[in-house]
């Protein structure tokens, strides 16, 4: 089952895709408003033949915003949308990419996509 992982942020989101049990970074989307973001994700879901979407949710205000966004995705998509705890995924993604020797420039550019991979890994293990 092709699954899209989303690391939700206020101005950009990280995306990862998992085909079986190995997630890989797909990219980072920058957006002006939520409608713009929804449109971009709908297009990716269609083009990549996504069968499930996993949205990372943290604690606090950002977690509330991610949950609200996930609800909007549920209304717009014909595939299941599930929530997954994303506590410390951005921190862990940064640490792992440093250990892997990824340059600072590339790390900054793809950090959110790496975090989305970790969100998918957590989901697969749960």
Protein backbone atom coordinates (compact mmCIF):
# COMPACT_ATOMS: atom_id res chain seq x y z
CA UNK A 1 0.00 0.00 0.00
CA UNK A 2 1.49 3.36 -1.05
CA UNK A 3 1.42 5.70 1.92
CA UNK A 4 2.19 9.42 2.04
CA UNK A 5 3.68 10.79 5.26
CA UNK A 6 3.26 14.48 6.08
CA UNK A 7 5.32 16.55 8.50
CA UNK A 8 3.01 19.58 8.79
CA UNK A 9 4.41 23.08 9.28
CA UNK A 10 3.15 26.66 9.06
CA UNK A 11 4.85 27.54 5.78
CA UNK A 12 6.18 24.22 4.50
CA UNK A 13 5.52 20.51 4.88
CA UNK A 14 7.81 17.54 4.51
CA UNK A 15 6.63 14.58 2.48
CA UNK A 16 7.73 10.95 2.43
CA UNK A 17 6.35 7.94 0.60
CA UNK A 18 6.33 4.33 1.67
CA UNK A 19 5.51 1.53 -0.74
CA UNK A 20 5.91 -1.49 1.51
CA UNK A 21 7.80 -0.90 4.72
CA UNK A 22 10.65 1.40 3.72
CA UNK A 23 9.81 5.12 3.65
CA UNK A 24 11.86 7.51 1.53
CA UNK A 25 11.89 11.31 1.40
CA UNK A 26 9.69 12.70 -1.36
CA UNK A 27 10.25 16.43 -0.93
CA UNK A 28 9.24 19.63 0.82
CA UNK A 29 6.28 21.75 -0.23
CA UNK A 30 6.21 25.46 0.43
CA UNK A 31 2.80 27.10 0.39
CA UNK A 32 1.08 30.46 0.72
CA UNK A 33 -2.14 29.24 2.33
CA UNK A 34 -3.86 25.98 3.26
CA UNK A 35 -5.94 25.90 0.08
CA UNK A 36 -2.71 26.02 -1.92
CA UNK A 37 -1.28 23.19 0.18
CA UNK A 38 -4.42 21.06 -0.11
CA UNK A 39 -4.36 21.45 -3.89
CA UNK A 40 -0.69 20.39 -4.07
CA UNK A 41 -1.25 17.35 -1.84
CA UNK A 42 -4.36 16.27 -3.78
CA UNK A 43 -2.29 16.37 -6.97
CA UNK A 44 0.50 14.28 -5.39
CA UNK A 45 -1.98 11.73 -4.03
CA UNK A 46 -3.45 11.33 -7.51
CA UNK A 47 -0.16 11.28 -9.46
CA UNK A 48 1.65 8.96 -7.04
CA UNK A 49 -1.36 6.65 -6.59
CA UNK A 50 -1.34 7.12 -2.81
CA UNK A 51 -3.66 4.78 -0.89
CA UNK A 52 -3.27 6.21 2.63
CA UNK A 53 -2.03 9.46 4.20
CA UNK A 54 -0.34 9.71 7.60
CA UNK A 55 -0.17 13.17 9.17
CA UNK A 56 2.29 13.79 11.99
CA UNK A 57 0.77 15.50 15.02
CA UNK A 58 2.73 16.98 17.90
CA UNK A 59 1.55 18.46 21.18
CA UNK A 60 0.26 21.97 21.70
CA UNK A 61 -0.93 24.56 19.20
CA UNK A 62 1.01 23.11 16.26
CA UNK A 63 -0.55 19.71 16.93
CA UNK A 64 -4.02 21.27 16.90
CA UNK A 65 -3.27 22.93 13.57
CA UNK A 66 -2.00 19.64 12.12
CA UNK A 67 -5.16 17.85 13.33
CA UNK A 68 -7.39 20.49 11.73
CA UNK A 69 -5.42 20.17 8.49
CA UNK A 70 -5.78 16.36 8.63
CA UNK A 71 -9.57 16.81 8.98
CA UNK A 72 -9.56 18.96 5.85
CA UNK A 73 -7.59 16.26 4.03
CA UNK A 74 -10.15 13.66 5.13
CA UNK A 75 -12.91 15.76 3.59
CA UNK A 76 -10.99 16.23 0.33
CA UNK A 77 -9.45 12.80 -0.24
CA UNK A 78 -10.98 9.44 -1.02
CA UNK A 79 -8.18 7.60 0.84
CA UNK A 80 -7.84 7.06 4.60
CA UNK A 81 -6.09 9.82 6.56
CA UNK A 82 -4.62 8.84 9.93
CA UNK A 83 -2.78 10.74 12.65
CA UNK A 84 0.60 9.72 14.06
CA UNK A 85 2.53 11.19 16.98
CA UNK A 86 5.53 13.07 15.62
CA UNK A 87 7.23 14.01 18.88
CA UNK A 88 10.93 14.79 18.25
CA UNK A 89 10.94 13.59 14.64
CA UNK A 90 12.45 16.85 13.34
CA UNK A 91 15.14 16.70 16.01
CA UNK A 92 15.84 13.03 15.25
CA UNK A 93 15.90 13.67 11.49
CA UNK A 94 18.46 16.42 11.97
CA UNK A 95 20.63 14.21 14.18
CA UNK A 96 20.47 11.23 11.79
CA UNK A 97 21.27 13.34 8.74
CA UNK A 98 24.31 14.82 10.52
CA UNK A 99 25.48 11.31 11.39
CA UNK A 100 25.00 10.27 7.77
CA UNK A 101 27.28 13.09 6.64
CA UNK A 102 24.63 15.02 4.71
CA UNK A 103 25.74 18.59 4.05
CA UNK A 104 24.17 21.42 6.05
CA UNK A 105 22.66 22.93 2.88
CA UNK A 106 20.96 19.70 1.83
CA UNK A 107 19.91 18.99 5.44
CA UNK A 108 18.14 22.33 5.72
CA UNK A 109 16.43 21.81 2.38
CA UNK A 110 15.19 18.27 3.12
CA UNK A 111 14.92 18.19 6.93
CA UNK A 112 11.11 18.16 6.89
CA UNK A 113 11.04 15.31 4.35
CA UNK A 114 13.39 13.29 6.57
CA UNK A 115 11.06 13.97 9.51
CA UNK A 116 8.14 12.72 7.39
CA UNK A 117 10.10 9.46 6.88
CA UNK A 118 10.41 9.07 10.63
CA UNK A 119 6.67 9.72 11.05
CA UNK A 120 5.96 6.91 8.57
CA UNK A 121 8.41 4.59 10.36
CA UNK A 122 6.63 5.24 13.68
CA UNK A 123 3.29 4.56 12.01
CA UNK A 124 4.51 1.28 10.48
CA UNK A 125 5.84 0.09 13.84
CA UNK A 126 2.63 0.89 15.71
